[in-house]
Amino acid sequence: MNTWHSDKMDSMKSKSICELEYIAKDCYRAARCAQDLGNAEAEGRYLDEMHYAHMELAKRRKTARQ
């Protein structure tokens, strides 16, 4: 069963490094805005997406070092 989380993690695999870096920065900004508006659910989703972008970047860096 696919969830929003698994779909989002899978989508990160096809992004370029520049796209992943942009997504991470954009999601961080959006999460802060959601926090300021008191929208904890949106804040959490943006932070999750930021985390998934960082996970994919870390995986690629680790693979590049090997």
Protein backbone atom coordinates (compact mmCIF):
# COMPACT_ATOMS: atom_id res chain seq x y z
CA MET A 1 0.00 0.00 0.00
CA ASN A 2 1.43 3.34 -1.02
CA THR A 3 1.19 6.26 1.34
CA TRP A 4 1.99 9.91 0.87
CA HIS A 5 5.31 9.27 2.58
CA SER A 6 6.38 6.34 0.40
CA ASP A 7 5.26 8.16 -2.76
CA LYS A 8 7.22 11.25 -1.75
CA MET A 9 10.36 9.22 -0.97
CA ASP A 10 10.09 7.45 -4.32
CA SER A 11 9.69 10.76 -6.16
CA MET A 12 12.97 12.03 -4.68
CA LYS A 13 14.91 9.31 -6.53
CA SER A 14 14.23 10.93 -9.91
CA LYS A 15 15.25 14.47 -8.86
CA SER A 16 18.57 16.07 -9.63
CA ILE A 17 20.87 17.21 -6.84
CA CYS A 18 19.95 20.83 -7.55
CA GLU A 19 16.27 19.98 -7.38
CA LEU A 20 16.72 18.14 -4.08
CA GLU A 21 18.63 21.05 -2.56
CA TYR A 22 15.95 23.49 -3.71
CA ILE A 23 13.15 21.27 -2.36
CA ALA A 24 14.86 21.04 1.03
CA LYS A 25 15.30 24.82 1.31
CA ASP A 26 11.81 25.58 0.03
CA CYS A 27 10.19 23.07 2.38
CA TYR A 28 12.06 24.53 5.34
CA ARG A 29 10.74 28.01 4.51
CA ALA A 30 7.23 26.68 3.98
CA ALA A 31 7.33 24.80 7.28
CA ARG A 32 8.31 27.97 9.14
CA CYS A 33 5.42 29.83 7.49
CA ALA A 34 3.00 27.05 8.40
CA GLN A 35 4.29 27.18 11.97
CA ASP A 36 3.72 30.94 12.09
CA LEU A 37 0.15 30.37 10.90
CA GLY A 38 -0.41 27.69 13.52
CA ASN A 39 -0.85 24.90 10.97
CA ALA A 40 0.99 22.01 12.60
CA GLU A 41 -0.17 19.44 10.03
CA ALA A 42 1.23 21.42 7.08
CA GLU A 43 4.40 22.16 9.03
CA GLY A 44 4.93 18.45 9.63
CA ARG A 45 4.40 17.53 5.99
CA TYR A 46 6.87 20.17 4.81
CA LEU A 47 9.43 19.00 7.35
CA ASP A 48 8.90 15.38 6.26
CA GLU A 49 9.44 16.35 2.62
CA MET A 50 12.57 18.29 3.57
CA HIS A 51 13.84 15.25 5.44
CA TYR A 52 13.20 12.96 2.44
CA ALA A 53 15.17 15.30 0.18
CA HIS A 54 18.07 15.30 2.67
CA MET A 55 17.90 11.49 2.93
CA GLU A 56 18.23 11.15 -0.86
CA LEU A 57 21.13 13.63 -0.94
CA ALA A 58 22.92 11.72 1.83
CA LYS A 59 22.39 8.43 0.02
CA ARG A 60 23.89 9.83 -3.16
CA ARG A 61 26.87 11.31 -1.33
CA LYS A 62 27.54 8.01 0.38
CA THR A 63 27.32 6.15 -2.95
CA ALA A 64 29.66 8.67 -4.60
CA ARG A 65 32.30 8.10 -1.90
CA GLN A 66 32.37 4.34 -2.40
